[in-house]
Amino acid sequence: MKISEKKDLLAIVKNIKTYASKNTNLASFYENIESLKIKSLQDSSLENDLTFFANCQFVLNVIISILSHPHLTTKGENVILRVDQVHSLSNEMFLRTVRDPQLWKKQHNEYIPEYVHYRLNVDEIKIYENIFLIKLIDLIEMETIQYASFYETMIKTLTHNQQLSENDDSVQRAFENLSHLKQKLQKIKNTSFYKVVSKAKYKFKALHPTNILLKDRAYNVCFKFYKYLITYQNQEDLHKDFNLYYFCLMLQVLKTKKFTLNKEANEVDALTTKKFTIKNKEFKLNFIYDDKLNGWQIKIKPTKIDYQAVHFLRFDMQELDLFNKVDDSLFDSAEIISLWSLMDENYQRLNNSFYSEYELIQSYLESKMKFDKASYRIYSSYCPICKEKNLMSLDDINFKCFNCHSKYIFDNSKQAVWYLKIRRC
């Protein structure tokens, strides 16, 4: 997720928790869910991104100015040097030399020192504050990679009658800014400062303010920008908040479909619930949150078919590959919803157009409850999605297409199909 999206998510979750403090159980939380105003994270505009790029440019310029005169610490170490390499000795080093016979040699019937003990002061660049700068540089680079990946998805292509991106397009302006940032980052990473300090073996658990970070103006600019970047201290908190965000949107969609909760919802805490049942005149849905898979198992039972579909849905802000943990044989379908897209188990986008978050969860739920009147005679032989005959009949009414991998089932009257899994070739 982008920085602006994370900051908006924090504000949204704070608003959700305020609402939950007045509607503590799931029943009241759901009953008044329309009154909960949930801002779209996608509305973090291009202007916010351009401001972020400008801030990154400024901070990188500050870092470049630091590199020419970084803070150092002087580290002393005892060494043995030839006499002609030393201009003067401290009293301590003189006494140590006098007491060390191995450093002396005999010359013309007298002993003279050939080597001496010497206290050598070495400037050390691998200090805490400079290691912090390396961490900040790497963090900015990681953010630019995420921004570039996001804007690549925004490039328009000649599909579905879309117009191509134009010269003054927001995507082009973003790529121009990202290109400048990448060049500046590469310039910094090619410096001897970066190459030397980046080899320091130090793991930051938490950043501690030091006198240099607080009082040196250049280092302080970097320190403040780092605190701005670190919106969430760990990914687990981010995932929990993102999951809560989509959970509320999902409840809002269900409310528009006239679903009602079962009586147990009066005894369940709204923000921590991991199991609930909800139904309307046509469907009964059972939601169970799976902690091992980090997602929802959704069991759907229509009134007109003696069959219960089982689906898996995960809300994921990073679009991470966690589907290797899911046994596909346990589910009729497995999908992931990110901030910008709905994807199948193979990470293929299922939404061809750009949908809002509300529209993403709405389209997902509607696809799982979609019925169409259909001829049994035709669609027991041809797939209703791709029209291929490569079907496997699991029983008299349940079919799977080996061409597009869709699944569907006929109702009890064999006059309509229910889509368990819709895929396009």
Foldseek 3Di string as FASTA:
>chain_A
DALQLLVLLVVQLVQLVVLCVVVWFQQSCLVCLVVRDGDFSVPCDLVVVVVVLVLLVVLLVLVVVCVVPPDWDKDKDKDKDFPVVDDDADPVFVVVFVPDVVQWDDDPNDIDGGITIHIDIDIGLQDPLLLVVLVLLVLVVVNLVVLLVVLVVVADDPPPNDDGADPPGSSNVSVVSSVVSVVSSVVVCPDPSNVVNVPDDDDPLDDDDDCCCCPVVSNVSSVVVVVSRCSDSDVVVVQLSQVQSLVSLLSVLVVVVVKHWDPCSVVHTNSPDQWTWIDDQFKIWIWGQDPVLQWIWIWIDTPQAPDIFTETEHEDAVPDLSLVPPDCVVHLFYWYDYQWFIAGNVRDGPDPDTDTSSVRSNVVVCLQFDKDFDALVQCVQAPPQARDRQWDAPDSFWIAHPPFGWTWGATPVSGMIGTRGDGHD
